[in-house]
Amino acid sequence: MRSRQLLTVFALLFLAVAARADDFQVTSPTLHANGTLPARHVFNGFGCTGDNFSPQLSWQGEPAGTKSFAVTVYDPDAPTGSGWWHWLVFNIPRDVHSLAEGSGASGANAMPEKAIQARTDFGNAAYGGACPPPGDSKHRYQFIVWALDIEQLPLNAESSGAMLGFNLRQHELVKAELTVTYAR
């Protein structure tokens, strides 16, 4: 009988977490799930000729206990063996639910107070758009908003994507993802 009660409790906890994860959503007026990344958000360099503007992102439905947010953009298909970090923002205050288009520009001063942009695989702390090698199949670009159980991660603008990823997974309550593709 005791094991049946424990199973019921675990099942209810699982359903509560699953429902909470479904409530947390990220949206963008220019990004559509499984759609193609617009040229406005493509890198300008390395042979790519986009505008390199970070997209506007909005999120809602975070669980109670959320103390901050983070935003990451990652290409798991980059031919590096470890993917490619395109944008890393963390320590976004819990009362902020969007980032404006272009806020990821270096020195733009458009980030919310206390938010930190970290060093991407382009080597600087700013948004870097898609720029897969010519002829590669479509790459996936995962725009993820993380709801965290900590107000400030103990990192700075020089932190790597791997270090941020480690910390995000340690403090993740839930995440919302919007994936788009791009090839050239």
C-alpha atoms as a PDB file:
ATOM      1  CA  MET A   1       0.000   0.000   0.000  1.00  0.00           C
ATOM      2  CA  ARG A   2       2.821   2.441   0.887  1.00  0.00           C
ATOM      3  CA  SER A   3       4.499   2.036  -2.508  1.00  0.00           C
ATOM      4  CA  ARG A   4       1.188   2.787  -4.248  1.00  0.00           C
ATOM      5  CA  GLN A   5       0.884   6.049  -2.269  1.00  0.00           C
ATOM      6  CA  LEU A   6       4.449   7.024  -3.171  1.00  0.00           C
ATOM      7  CA  LEU A   7       3.777   6.284  -6.824  1.00  0.00           C
ATOM      8  CA  THR A   8       0.683   8.489  -6.716  1.00  0.00           C
ATOM      9  CA  VAL A   9       2.628  11.353  -5.126  1.00  0.00           C
ATOM     10  CA  PHE A  10       5.399  11.086  -7.733  1.00  0.00           C
ATOM     11  CA  ALA A  11       2.863  10.975 -10.562  1.00  0.00           C
ATOM     12  CA  LEU A  12       1.136  14.105  -9.267  1.00  0.00           C
ATOM     13  CA  LEU A  13       4.474  15.917  -8.903  1.00  0.00           C
ATOM     14  CA  PHE A  14       5.433  14.942 -12.450  1.00  0.00           C
ATOM     15  CA  LEU A  15       2.118  16.214 -13.811  1.00  0.00           C
ATOM     16  CA  ALA A  16       2.499  19.502 -11.909  1.00  0.00           C
ATOM     17  CA  VAL A  17       5.981  20.069 -13.335  1.00  0.00           C
ATOM     18  CA  ALA A  18       4.838  19.139 -16.857  1.00  0.00           C
ATOM     19  CA  ALA A  19       1.876  21.527 -16.647  1.00  0.00           C
ATOM     20  CA  ARG A  20       4.144  24.304 -15.356  1.00  0.00           C
ATOM     21  CA  ALA A  21       6.573  23.760 -18.253  1.00  0.00           C
ATOM     22  CA  ASP A  22       3.718  23.977 -20.759  1.00  0.00           C
ATOM     23  CA  ASP A  23       2.633  27.324 -19.279  1.00  0.00           C
ATOM     24  CA  PHE A  24       6.001  28.988 -19.903  1.00  0.00           C
ATOM     25  CA  GLN A  25       6.184  30.312 -23.469  1.00  0.00           C
ATOM     26  CA  VAL A  26       8.557  32.455 -25.547  1.00  0.00           C
ATOM     27  CA  THR A  27       7.317  34.379 -28.590  1.00  0.00           C
ATOM     28  CA  SER A  28       8.689  36.783 -31.172  1.00  0.00           C
ATOM     29  CA  PRO A  29       7.003  38.812 -33.913  1.00  0.00           C
ATOM     30  CA  THR A  30       9.770  37.842 -36.383  1.00  0.00           C
ATOM     31  CA  LEU A  31      10.554  34.250 -35.371  1.00  0.00           C
ATOM     32  CA  HIS A  32       8.155  31.394 -35.982  1.00  0.00           C
ATOM     33  CA  ALA A  33       8.688  27.862 -34.668  1.00  0.00           C
ATOM     34  CA  ASN A  34      10.508  25.748 -37.263  1.00  0.00           C
ATOM     35  CA  GLY A  35      10.475  28.698 -39.674  1.00  0.00           C
ATOM     36  CA  THR A  36      13.455  30.311 -41.384  1.00  0.00           C
ATOM     37  CA  LEU A  37      15.496  32.951 -39.577  1.00  0.00           C
ATOM     38  CA  PRO A  38      14.905  36.310 -41.314  1.00  0.00           C
ATOM     39  CA  ALA A  39      17.922  38.138 -42.818  1.00  0.00           C
ATOM     40  CA  ARG A  40      17.416  40.862 -40.197  1.00  0.00           C
ATOM     41  CA  HIS A  41      18.759  38.411 -37.587  1.00  0.00           C
ATOM     42  CA  VAL A  42      21.562  36.858 -39.701  1.00  0.00           C
ATOM     43  CA  PHE A  43      25.199  37.729 -38.983  1.00  0.00           C
ATOM     44  CA  ASN A  44      27.020  40.348 -41.044  1.00  0.00           C
ATOM     45  CA  GLY A  45      30.499  38.911 -41.618  1.00  0.00           C
ATOM     46  CA  PHE A  46      32.242  35.628 -42.478  1.00  0.00           C
ATOM     47  CA  GLY A  47      30.545  35.859 -45.887  1.00  0.00           C
ATOM     48  CA  CYS A  48      27.050  36.393 -44.440  1.00  0.00           C
ATOM     49  CA  THR A  49      25.211  39.614 -45.260  1.00  0.00           C
ATOM     50  CA  GLY A  50      22.466  39.949 -42.667  1.00  0.00           C
ATOM     51  CA  ASP A  51      21.619  42.915 -40.446  1.00  0.00           C
ATOM     52  CA  ASN A  52      22.764  41.124 -37.241  1.00  0.00           C
ATOM     53  CA  PHE A  53      19.899  42.514 -35.111  1.00  0.00           C
ATOM     54  CA  SER A  54      18.857  40.422 -32.140  1.00  0.00           C
ATOM     55  CA  PRO A  55      15.140  39.623 -32.382  1.00  0.00           C
ATOM     56  CA  GLN A  56      12.497  40.945 -30.037  1.00  0.00           C
ATOM     57  CA  LEU A  57      11.603  38.187 -27.560  1.00  0.00           C
ATOM     58  CA  SER A  58       8.757  38.041 -25.039  1.00  0.00           C
ATOM     59  CA  TRP A  59       7.974  35.387 -22.451  1.00  0.00           C
ATOM     60  CA  GLN A  60       5.233  34.610 -19.976  1.00  0.00           C
ATOM     61  CA  GLY A  61       3.869  31.892 -17.717  1.00  0.00           C
ATOM     62  CA  GLU A  62       6.920  31.380 -15.528  1.00  0.00           C
ATOM     63  CA  PRO A  63       6.398  29.380 -12.338  1.00  0.00           C
ATOM     64  CA  ALA A  64       6.149  30.841  -8.856  1.00  0.00           C
ATOM     65  CA  GLY A  65       9.596  31.081  -7.341  1.00  0.00           C
ATOM     66  CA  THR A  66      11.212  32.491 -10.477  1.00  0.00           C
ATOM     67  CA  LYS A  67      13.896  34.965  -9.365  1.00  0.00           C
ATOM     68  CA  SER A  68      15.500  35.815 -12.722  1.00  0.00           C
ATOM     69  CA  PHE A  69      15.654  34.880 -16.394  1.00  0.00           C
ATOM     70  CA  ALA A  70      18.356  34.103 -18.932  1.00  0.00           C
ATOM     71  CA  VAL A  71      18.267  34.003 -22.727  1.00  0.00           C
ATOM     72  CA  THR A  72      20.528  31.828 -24.854  1.00  0.00           C
ATOM     73  CA  VAL A  73      20.768  31.258 -28.591  1.00  0.00           C
ATOM     74  CA  TYR A  74      22.588  28.102 -29.588  1.00  0.00           C
ATOM     75  CA  ASP A  75      23.328  26.290 -32.868  1.00  0.00           C
ATOM     76  CA  PRO A  76      23.747  22.562 -32.103  1.00  0.00           C
ATOM     77  CA  ASP A  77      24.524  21.873 -35.786  1.00  0.00           C
ATOM     78  CA  ALA A  78      27.666  24.027 -36.053  1.00  0.00           C
ATOM     79  CA  PRO A  79      30.597  21.925 -37.333  1.00  0.00           C
ATOM     80  CA  THR A  80      32.683  22.474 -34.199  1.00  0.00           C
ATOM     81  CA  GLY A  81      32.030  19.353 -32.169  1.00  0.00           C
ATOM     82  CA  SER A  82      30.517  21.560 -29.463  1.00  0.00           C
ATOM     83  CA  GLY A  83      27.917  23.694 -31.255  1.00  0.00           C
ATOM     84  CA  TRP A  84      28.007  27.511 -31.359  1.00  0.00           C
ATOM     85  CA  TRP A  85      26.781  30.068 -28.813  1.00  0.00           C
ATOM     86  CA  HIS A  86      25.190  33.065 -30.587  1.00  0.00           C
ATOM     87  CA  TRP A  87      23.781  35.011 -27.623  1.00  0.00           C
ATOM     88  CA  LEU A  88      24.093  34.734 -23.857  1.00  0.00           C
ATOM     89  CA  VAL A  89      22.146  37.012 -21.511  1.00  0.00           C
ATOM     90  CA  PHE A  90      21.609  36.342 -17.815  1.00  0.00           C
ATOM     91  CA  ASN A  91      20.561  38.025 -14.553  1.00  0.00           C
ATOM     92  CA  ILE A  92      17.477  39.429 -16.259  1.00  0.00           C
ATOM     93  CA  PRO A  93      15.240  40.625 -13.390  1.00  0.00           C
ATOM     94  CA  ARG A  94      12.094  38.603 -12.714  1.00  0.00           C
ATOM     95  CA  ASP A  95       9.790  41.515 -13.551  1.00  0.00           C
ATOM     96  CA  VAL A  96      11.225  41.812 -17.099  1.00  0.00           C
ATOM     97  CA  HIS A  97       9.351  39.762 -19.716  1.00  0.00           C
ATOM     98  CA  SER A  98      10.868  40.903 -23.002  1.00  0.00           C
ATOM     99  CA  LEU A  99      13.998  42.045 -24.791  1.00  0.00           C
ATOM    100  CA  ALA A 100      13.638  44.644 -27.539  1.00  0.00           C
ATOM    101  CA  GLU A 101      14.839  44.041 -31.080  1.00  0.00           C
ATOM    102  CA  GLY A 102      18.464  45.111 -31.345  1.00  0.00           C
ATOM    103  CA  SER A 103      19.040  45.009 -27.586  1.00  0.00           C
ATOM    104  CA  GLY A 104      21.843  42.494 -28.112  1.00  0.00           C
ATOM    105  CA  ALA A 105      24.092  44.994 -29.922  1.00  0.00           C
ATOM    106  CA  SER A 106      27.432  45.628 -28.264  1.00  0.00           C
ATOM    107  CA  GLY A 107      27.186  48.808 -26.206  1.00  0.00           C
ATOM    108  CA  ALA A 108      23.503  49.301 -27.086  1.00  0.00           C
ATOM    109  CA  ASN A 109      22.516  50.076 -23.467  1.00  0.00           C
ATOM    110  CA  ALA A 110      19.191  48.425 -24.232  1.00  0.00           C
ATOM    111  CA  MET A 111      19.580  45.560 -21.765  1.00  0.00           C
ATOM    112  CA  PRO A 112      17.512  45.654 -18.584  1.00  0.00           C
ATOM    113  CA  GLU A 113      19.341  46.943 -15.514  1.00  0.00           C
ATOM    114  CA  LYS A 114      21.482  44.177 -13.906  1.00  0.00           C
ATOM    115  CA  ALA A 115      21.278  41.951 -17.011  1.00  0.00           C
ATOM    116  CA  ILE A 116      24.644  40.779 -18.358  1.00  0.00           C
ATOM    117  CA  GLN A 117      25.555  39.715 -21.885  1.00  0.00           C
ATOM    118  CA  ALA A 118      28.356  37.151 -21.891  1.00  0.00           C
ATOM    119  CA  ARG A 119      30.989  36.292 -24.478  1.00  0.00           C
ATOM    120  CA  THR A 120      29.636  34.289 -27.412  1.00  0.00           C
ATOM    121  CA  ASP A 121      31.628  32.036 -29.714  1.00  0.00           C
ATOM    122  CA  PHE A 122      32.171  35.104 -31.909  1.00  0.00           C
ATOM    123  CA  GLY A 123      34.388  36.334 -29.059  1.00  0.00           C
ATOM    124  CA  ASN A 124      32.377  39.271 -27.754  1.00  0.00           C
ATOM    125  CA  ALA A 125      29.491  39.953 -25.398  1.00  0.00           C
ATOM    126  CA  ALA A 126      26.794  40.733 -27.963  1.00  0.00           C
ATOM    127  CA  TYR A 127      24.278  39.009 -30.214  1.00  0.00           C
ATOM    128  CA  GLY A 128      25.834  37.268 -33.200  1.00  0.00           C
ATOM    129  CA  GLY A 129      23.385  36.080 -35.839  1.00  0.00           C
ATOM    130  CA  ALA A 130      23.351  32.861 -37.839  1.00  0.00           C
ATOM    131  CA  CYS A 131      26.135  32.244 -40.329  1.00  0.00           C
ATOM    132  CA  PRO A 132      26.467  28.542 -41.134  1.00  0.00           C
ATOM    133  CA  PRO A 133      29.055  27.383 -43.669  1.00  0.00           C
ATOM    134  CA  PRO A 134      27.900  27.629 -47.311  1.00  0.00           C
ATOM    135  CA  GLY A 135      26.398  24.372 -48.548  1.00  0.00           C
ATOM    136  CA  ASP A 136      25.666  22.963 -45.075  1.00  0.00           C
ATOM    137  CA  SER A 137      22.202  21.603 -44.461  1.00  0.00           C
ATOM    138  CA  LYS A 138      19.863  23.790 -42.436  1.00  0.00           C
ATOM    139  CA  HIS A 139      21.157  24.622 -38.976  1.00  0.00           C
ATOM    140  CA  ARG A 140      18.824  24.886 -35.982  1.00  0.00           C
ATOM    141  CA  TYR A 141      18.949  28.029 -33.850  1.00  0.00           C
ATOM    142  CA  GLN A 142      17.513  27.435 -30.399  1.00  0.00           C
ATOM    143  CA  PHE A 143      16.240  30.624 -28.745  1.00  0.00           C
ATOM    144  CA  ILE A 144      15.737  29.592 -25.115  1.00  0.00           C
ATOM    145  CA  VAL A 145      14.432  31.605 -22.179  1.00  0.00           C
ATOM    146  CA  TRP A 146      15.310  30.105 -18.804  1.00  0.00           C
ATOM    147  CA  ALA A 147      13.317  30.762 -15.595  1.00  0.00           C
ATOM    148  CA  LEU A 148      15.788  30.479 -12.710  1.00  0.00           C
ATOM    149  CA  ASP A 149      15.596  29.965  -8.955  1.00  0.00           C
ATOM    150  CA  ILE A 150      18.402  32.466  -8.286  1.00  0.00           C
ATOM    151  CA  GLU A 151      18.414  36.256  -8.586  1.00  0.00           C
ATOM    152  CA  GLN A 152      21.962  36.564  -9.911  1.00  0.00           C
ATOM    153  CA  LEU A 153      24.299  33.935 -11.312  1.00  0.00           C
ATOM    154  CA  PRO A 154      27.877  34.290 -10.038  1.00  0.00           C
ATOM    155  CA  LEU A 155      29.258  34.984 -13.533  1.00  0.00           C
ATOM    156  CA  ASN A 156      30.409  37.980 -15.580  1.00  0.00           C
ATOM    157  CA  ALA A 157      30.586  39.135 -19.212  1.00  0.00           C
ATOM    158  CA  GLU A 158      33.719  37.038 -19.810  1.00  0.00           C
ATOM    159  CA  SER A 159      31.942  33.787 -18.893  1.00  0.00           C
ATOM    160  CA  SER A 160      31.809  31.152 -21.622  1.00  0.00           C
ATOM    161  CA  GLY A 161      28.702  29.488 -22.994  1.00  0.00           C
ATOM    162  CA  ALA A 162      29.723  26.225 -21.332  1.00  0.00           C
ATOM    163  CA  MET A 163      30.075  27.896 -17.923  1.00  0.00           C
ATOM    164  CA  LEU A 164      26.751  29.682 -18.308  1.00  0.00           C
ATOM    165  CA  GLY A 165      25.092  26.451 -19.488  1.00  0.00           C
ATOM    166  CA  PHE A 166      26.382  24.623 -16.418  1.00  0.00           C
ATOM    167  CA  ASN A 167      24.982  27.316 -14.100  1.00  0.00           C
ATOM    168  CA  LEU A 168      21.668  27.499 -15.950  1.00  0.00           C
ATOM    169  CA  ARG A 169      21.101  23.783 -15.540  1.00  0.00           C
ATOM    170  CA  GLN A 170      21.884  24.045 -11.813  1.00  0.00           C
ATOM    171  CA  HIS A 171      19.233  26.756 -11.315  1.00  0.00           C
ATOM    172  CA  GLU A 172      16.619  25.955 -13.980  1.00  0.00           C
ATOM    173  CA  LEU A 173      12.991  25.927 -12.899  1.00  0.00           C
ATOM    174  CA  VAL A 174      11.708  25.647 -16.462  1.00  0.00           C
ATOM    175  CA  LYS A 175      12.683  26.788 -19.959  1.00  0.00           C
ATOM    176  CA  ALA A 176      10.812  27.828 -23.085  1.00  0.00           C
ATOM    177  CA  GLU A 177      12.280  27.275 -26.543  1.00  0.00           C
ATOM    178  CA  LEU A 178      11.663  28.693 -29.998  1.00  0.00           C
ATOM    179  CA  THR A 179      13.701  26.952 -32.716  1.00  0.00           C
ATOM    180  CA  VAL A 180      14.204  28.341 -36.223  1.00  0.00           C
ATOM    181  CA  THR A 181      16.440  27.217 -39.083  1.00  0.00           C
ATOM    182  CA  TYR A 182      18.828  28.858 -41.519  1.00  0.00           C
ATOM    183  CA  ALA A 183      21.117  27.738 -44.343  1.00  0.00           C
ATOM    184  CA  ARG A 184      23.034  29.453 -47.131  1.00  0.00           C
END
